Amino acid sequence: MAHAPPLNIYAVGAMSSVLVIYAWLKSPIKYKWAAENRISPKADLAWRNSAQKWLDNN
């Protein structure tokens, strides 16, 4: 029965970096900050209009 060749340290590093990148791409955590910073277009327009009205009055 044949055995596998010994693993090279560079091969292990490459495989682990690919695994880390894949896990980061699939992670839902990276979308958490983006979801908190999103604002609806209607709310954004209302905020801009009220800010413009405040600037006109002051």
PDB file of N, CA and C in Angstrom:
ATOM      1  N   MET A   1       0.841  -1.174   0.000  1.00  0.00           N
ATOM      2  CA  MET A   1       0.000   0.000   0.000  1.00  0.00           C
ATOM      3  C   MET A   1       0.895   1.249   0.000  1.00  0.00           C
ATOM      4  N   ALA A   2       0.629   2.145  -0.935  1.00  0.00           N
ATOM      5  CA  ALA A   2       1.450   3.350  -1.069  1.00  0.00           C
ATOM      6  C   ALA A   2       1.008   4.409  -0.066  1.00  0.00           C
ATOM      7  N   HIS A   3       1.982   5.152   0.397  1.00  0.00           N
ATOM      8  CA  HIS A   3       1.652   6.229   1.326  1.00  0.00           C
ATOM      9  C   HIS A   3       1.812   7.579   0.623  1.00  0.00           C
ATOM     10  N   ALA A   4       1.177   8.608   1.178  1.00  0.00           N
ATOM     11  CA  ALA A   4       1.211   9.943   0.580  1.00  0.00           C
ATOM     12  C   ALA A   4       2.594  10.557   0.761  1.00  0.00           C
ATOM     13  N   PRO A   5       3.012  11.396  -0.166  1.00  0.00           N
ATOM     14  CA  PRO A   5       4.305  12.071  -0.017  1.00  0.00           C
ATOM     15  C   PRO A   5       4.252  13.056   1.156  1.00  0.00           C
ATOM     16  N   PRO A   6       5.391  13.374   1.741  1.00  0.00           N
ATOM     17  CA  PRO A   6       5.388  14.318   2.862  1.00  0.00           C
ATOM     18  C   PRO A   6       4.921  15.704   2.408  1.00  0.00           C
ATOM     19  N   LEU A   7       4.206  16.385   3.283  1.00  0.00           N
ATOM     20  CA  LEU A   7       3.676  17.701   2.935  1.00  0.00           C
ATOM     21  C   LEU A   7       4.764  18.766   3.054  1.00  0.00           C
ATOM     22  N   ASN A   8       4.828  19.587   2.065  1.00  0.00           N
ATOM     23  CA  ASN A   8       5.758  20.707   2.042  1.00  0.00           C
ATOM     24  C   ASN A   8       5.150  21.862   2.845  1.00  0.00           C
ATOM     25  N   ILE A   9       5.970  22.616   3.555  1.00  0.00           N
ATOM     26  CA  ILE A   9       5.473  23.731   4.367  1.00  0.00           C
ATOM     27  C   ILE A   9       4.819  24.792   3.490  1.00  0.00           C
ATOM     28  N   TYR A  10       5.314  24.986   2.276  1.00  0.00           N
ATOM     29  CA  TYR A  10       4.716  25.960   1.366  1.00  0.00           C
ATOM     30  C   TYR A  10       3.354  25.482   0.869  1.00  0.00           C
ATOM     31  N   ALA A  11       3.224  24.177   0.659  1.00  0.00           N
ATOM     32  CA  ALA A  11       1.939  23.635   0.234  1.00  0.00           C
ATOM     33  C   ALA A  11       0.902  23.780   1.344  1.00  0.00           C
ATOM     34  N   VAL A  12       1.312  23.527   2.577  1.00  0.00           N
ATOM     35  CA  VAL A  12       0.404  23.681   3.714  1.00  0.00           C
ATOM     36  C   VAL A  12      -0.008  25.145   3.852  1.00  0.00           C
ATOM     37  N   GLY A  13       0.919  26.057   3.692  1.00  0.00           N
ATOM     38  CA  GLY A  13       0.606  27.485   3.764  1.00  0.00           C
ATOM     39  C   GLY A  13      -0.348  27.924   2.670  1.00  0.00           C
ATOM     40  N   ALA A  14      -0.133  27.424   1.469  1.00  0.00           N
ATOM     41  CA  ALA A  14      -1.016  27.777   0.361  1.00  0.00           C
ATOM     42  C   ALA A  14      -2.420  27.237   0.589  1.00  0.00           C
ATOM     43  N   MET A  15      -2.510  25.998   1.044  1.00  0.00           N
ATOM     44  CA  MET A  15      -3.829  25.407   1.293  1.00  0.00           C
ATOM     45  C   MET A  15      -4.561  26.136   2.410  1.00  0.00           C
ATOM     46  N   SER A  16      -3.839  26.498   3.465  1.00  0.00           N
ATOM     47  CA  SER A  16      -4.497  27.178   4.576  1.00  0.00           C
ATOM     48  C   SER A  16      -4.912  28.594   4.184  1.00  0.00           C
ATOM     49  N   SER A  17      -4.110  29.272   3.364  1.00  0.00           N
ATOM     50  CA  SER A  17      -4.501  30.617   2.942  1.00  0.00           C
ATOM     51  C   SER A  17      -5.727  30.567   2.039  1.00  0.00           C
ATOM     52  N   VAL A  18      -5.815  29.563   1.185  1.00  0.00           N
ATOM     53  CA  VAL A  18      -7.004  29.397   0.347  1.00  0.00           C
ATOM     54  C   VAL A  18      -8.223  29.129   1.224  1.00  0.00           C
ATOM     55  N   LEU A  19      -8.060  28.317   2.248  1.00  0.00           N
ATOM     56  CA  LEU A  19      -9.167  28.020   3.157  1.00  0.00           C
ATOM     57  C   LEU A  19      -9.616  29.272   3.911  1.00  0.00           C
ATOM     58  N   VAL A  20      -8.665  30.073   4.358  1.00  0.00           N
ATOM     59  CA  VAL A  20      -9.009  31.301   5.087  1.00  0.00           C
ATOM     60  C   VAL A  20      -9.735  32.283   4.170  1.00  0.00           C
ATOM     61  N   ILE A  21      -9.254  32.444   2.950  1.00  0.00           N
ATOM     62  CA  ILE A  21      -9.904  33.359   2.003  1.00  0.00           C
ATOM     63  C   ILE A  21     -11.306  32.868   1.670  1.00  0.00           C
ATOM     64  N   TYR A  22     -11.473  31.574   1.466  1.00  0.00           N
ATOM     65  CA  TYR A  22     -12.789  31.021   1.166  1.00  0.00           C
ATOM     66  C   TYR A  22     -13.745  31.237   2.331  1.00  0.00           C
ATOM     67  N   ALA A  23     -13.277  31.006   3.544  1.00  0.00           N
ATOM     68  CA  ALA A  23     -14.129  31.192   4.725  1.00  0.00           C
ATOM     69  C   ALA A  23     -14.507  32.663   4.881  1.00  0.00           C
ATOM     70  N   TRP A  24     -13.581  33.579   4.584  1.00  0.00           N
ATOM     71  CA  TRP A  24     -13.885  35.007   4.689  1.00  0.00           C
ATOM     72  C   TRP A  24     -14.915  35.421   3.648  1.00  0.00           C
ATOM     73  N   LEU A  25     -14.798  34.867   2.431  1.00  0.00           N
ATOM     74  CA  LEU A  25     -15.752  35.213   1.383  1.00  0.00           C
ATOM     75  C   LEU A  25     -17.150  34.702   1.697  1.00  0.00           C
ATOM     76  N   LYS A  26     -17.242  33.555   2.345  1.00  0.00           N
ATOM     77  CA  LYS A  26     -18.539  32.971   2.664  1.00  0.00           C
ATOM     78  C   LYS A  26     -19.114  33.483   3.977  1.00  0.00           C
ATOM     79  N   SER A  27     -18.358  34.255   4.714  1.00  0.00           N
ATOM     80  CA  SER A  27     -18.778  34.688   6.047  1.00  0.00           C
ATOM     81  C   SER A  27     -19.861  35.758   5.973  1.00  0.00           C
ATOM     82  N   PRO A  28     -20.933  35.614   6.751  1.00  0.00           N
ATOM     83  CA  PRO A  28     -21.966  36.661   6.776  1.00  0.00           C
ATOM     84  C   PRO A  28     -21.564  37.856   7.635  1.00  0.00           C
ATOM     85  N   ILE A  29     -20.458  37.740   8.383  1.00  0.00           N
ATOM     86  CA  ILE A  29     -20.050  38.819   9.280  1.00  0.00           C
ATOM     87  C   ILE A  29     -19.642  40.059   8.491  1.00  0.00           C
ATOM     88  N   LYS A  30     -19.074  39.875   7.294  1.00  0.00           N
ATOM     89  CA  LYS A  30     -18.601  41.030   6.533  1.00  0.00           C
ATOM     90  C   LYS A  30     -19.749  41.911   6.062  1.00  0.00           C
ATOM     91  N   TYR A  31     -20.978  41.368   6.001  1.00  0.00           N
ATOM     92  CA  TYR A  31     -22.124  42.163   5.583  1.00  0.00           C
ATOM     93  C   TYR A  31     -22.773  42.893   6.749  1.00  0.00           C
ATOM     94  N   LYS A  32     -22.355  42.607   7.975  1.00  0.00           N
ATOM     95  CA  LYS A  32     -23.005  43.188   9.145  1.00  0.00           C
ATOM     96  C   LYS A  32     -22.822  44.700   9.187  1.00  0.00           C
ATOM     97  N   TRP A  33     -21.610  45.185   8.972  1.00  0.00           N
ATOM     98  CA  TRP A  33     -21.378  46.632   9.031  1.00  0.00           C
ATOM     99  C   TRP A  33     -22.066  47.349   7.888  1.00  0.00           C
ATOM    100  N   ALA A  34     -22.142  46.704   6.715  1.00  0.00           N
ATOM    101  CA  ALA A  34     -22.782  47.340   5.569  1.00  0.00           C
ATOM    102  C   ALA A  34     -24.287  47.466   5.790  1.00  0.00           C
ATOM    103  N   ALA A  35     -24.894  46.473   6.424  1.00  0.00           N
ATOM    104  CA  ALA A  35     -26.329  46.525   6.677  1.00  0.00           C
ATOM    105  C   ALA A  35     -26.665  47.619   7.685  1.00  0.00           C
ATOM    106  N   GLU A  36     -25.785  47.864   8.636  1.00  0.00           N
ATOM    107  CA  GLU A  36     -26.047  48.901   9.628  1.00  0.00           C
ATOM    108  C   GLU A  36     -25.921  50.291   9.028  1.00  0.00           C
ATOM    109  N   ASN A  37     -25.100  50.451   8.014  1.00  0.00           N
ATOM    110  CA  ASN A  37     -24.873  51.766   7.427  1.00  0.00           C
ATOM    111  C   ASN A  37     -25.839  52.093   6.296  1.00  0.00           C
ATOM    112  N   ARG A  38     -26.649  51.139   5.884  1.00  0.00           N
ATOM    113  CA  ARG A  38     -27.576  51.396   4.792  1.00  0.00           C
ATOM    114  C   ARG A  38     -28.743  52.235   5.278  1.00  0.00           C
ATOM    115  N   ILE A  39     -29.203  53.128   4.406  1.00  0.00           N
ATOM    116  CA  ILE A  39     -30.379  53.939   4.696  1.00  0.00           C
ATOM    117  C   ILE A  39     -31.254  53.881   3.452  1.00  0.00           C
ATOM    118  N   SER A  40     -32.550  53.883   3.659  1.00  0.00           N
ATOM    119  CA  SER A  40     -33.446  53.780   2.511  1.00  0.00           C
ATOM    120  C   SER A  40     -33.397  55.075   1.700  1.00  0.00           C
ATOM    121  N   PRO A  41     -33.630  54.990   0.402  1.00  0.00           N
ATOM    122  CA  PRO A  41     -33.592  56.207  -0.423  1.00  0.00           C
ATOM    123  C   PRO A  41     -34.635  57.238   0.011  1.00  0.00           C
ATOM    124  N   LYS A  42     -35.799  56.757   0.453  1.00  0.00           N
ATOM    125  CA  LYS A  42     -36.843  57.684   0.890  1.00  0.00           C
ATOM    126  C   LYS A  42     -36.409  58.439   2.147  1.00  0.00           C
ATOM    127  N   ALA A  43     -35.799  57.731   3.086  1.00  0.00           N
ATOM    128  CA  ALA A  43     -35.322  58.380   4.305  1.00  0.00           C
ATOM    129  C   ALA A  43     -34.166  59.326   3.992  1.00  0.00           C
ATOM    130  N   ASP A  44     -33.319  58.950   3.055  1.00  0.00           N
ATOM    131  CA  ASP A  44     -32.203  59.813   2.669  1.00  0.00           C
ATOM    132  C   ASP A  44     -32.713  61.100   2.034  1.00  0.00           C
ATOM    133  N   LEU A  45     -33.726  60.978   1.165  1.00  0.00           N
ATOM    134  CA  LEU A  45     -34.294  62.156   0.523  1.00  0.00           C
ATOM    135  C   LEU A  45     -34.962  63.068   1.548  1.00  0.00           C
ATOM    136  N   ALA A  46     -35.685  62.481   2.497  1.00  0.00           N
ATOM    137  CA  ALA A  46     -36.328  63.286   3.539  1.00  0.00           C
ATOM    138  C   ALA A  46     -35.277  64.007   4.377  1.00  0.00           C
ATOM    139  N   TRP A  47     -34.186  63.327   4.697  1.00  0.00           N
ATOM    140  CA  TRP A  47     -33.122  63.958   5.485  1.00  0.00           C
ATOM    141  C   TRP A  47     -32.489  65.107   4.713  1.00  0.00           C
ATOM    142  N   ARG A  48     -32.235  64.881   3.425  1.00  0.00           N
ATOM    143  CA  ARG A  48     -31.630  65.938   2.605  1.00  0.00           C
ATOM    144  C   ARG A  48     -32.562  67.145   2.482  1.00  0.00           C
ATOM    145  N   ASN A  49     -33.862  66.872   2.300  1.00  0.00           N
ATOM    146  CA  ASN A  49     -34.817  67.976   2.180  1.00  0.00           C
ATOM    147  C   ASN A  49     -34.912  68.768   3.474  1.00  0.00           C
ATOM    148  N   SER A  50     -34.943  68.076   4.600  1.00  0.00           N
ATOM    149  CA  SER A  50     -35.025  68.787   5.877  1.00  0.00           C
ATOM    150  C   SER A  50     -33.732  69.553   6.153  1.00  0.00           C
ATOM    151  N   ALA A  51     -32.598  69.000   5.756  1.00  0.00           N
ATOM    152  CA  ALA A  51     -31.331  69.710   5.932  1.00  0.00           C
ATOM    153  C   ALA A  51     -31.289  70.959   5.060  1.00  0.00           C
ATOM    154  N   GLN A  52     -31.788  70.855   3.839  1.00  0.00           N
ATOM    155  CA  GLN A  52     -31.816  72.018   2.953  1.00  0.00           C
ATOM    156  C   GLN A  52     -32.764  73.082   3.493  1.00  0.00           C
ATOM    157  N   LYS A  53     -33.907  72.646   4.012  1.00  0.00           N
ATOM    158  CA  LYS A  53     -34.857  73.588   4.597  1.00  0.00           C
ATOM    159  C   LYS A  53     -34.240  74.302   5.796  1.00  0.00           C
ATOM    160  N   TRP A  54     -33.497  73.560   6.611  1.00  0.00           N
ATOM    161  CA  TRP A  54     -32.839  74.162   7.774  1.00  0.00           C
ATOM    162  C   TRP A  54     -31.791  75.180   7.330  1.00  0.00           C
ATOM    163  N   LEU A  55     -31.037  74.821   6.264  1.00  0.00           N
ATOM    164  CA  LEU A  55     -30.030  75.757   5.756  1.00  0.00           C
ATOM    165  C   LEU A  55     -30.673  77.023   5.192  1.00  0.00           C
ATOM    166  N   ASP A  56     -31.817  76.857   4.532  1.00  0.00           N
ATOM    167  CA  ASP A  56     -32.501  78.030   3.978  1.00  0.00           C
ATOM    168  C   ASP A  56     -33.026  78.939   5.080  1.00  0.00           C
ATOM    169  N   ASN A  57     -33.512  78.361   6.165  1.00  0.00           N
ATOM    170  CA  ASN A  57     -34.083  79.149   7.263  1.00  0.00           C
ATOM    171  C   ASN A  57     -33.015  79.762   8.151  1.00  0.00           C
ATOM    172  N   ASN A  58     -31.849  79.175   8.208  1.00  0.00           N
ATOM    173  CA  ASN A  58     -30.809  79.694   9.100  1.00  0.00           C
ATOM    174  C   ASN A  58     -29.725  80.292   8.267  1.00  0.00           C
TER     175      ASN A  58
END
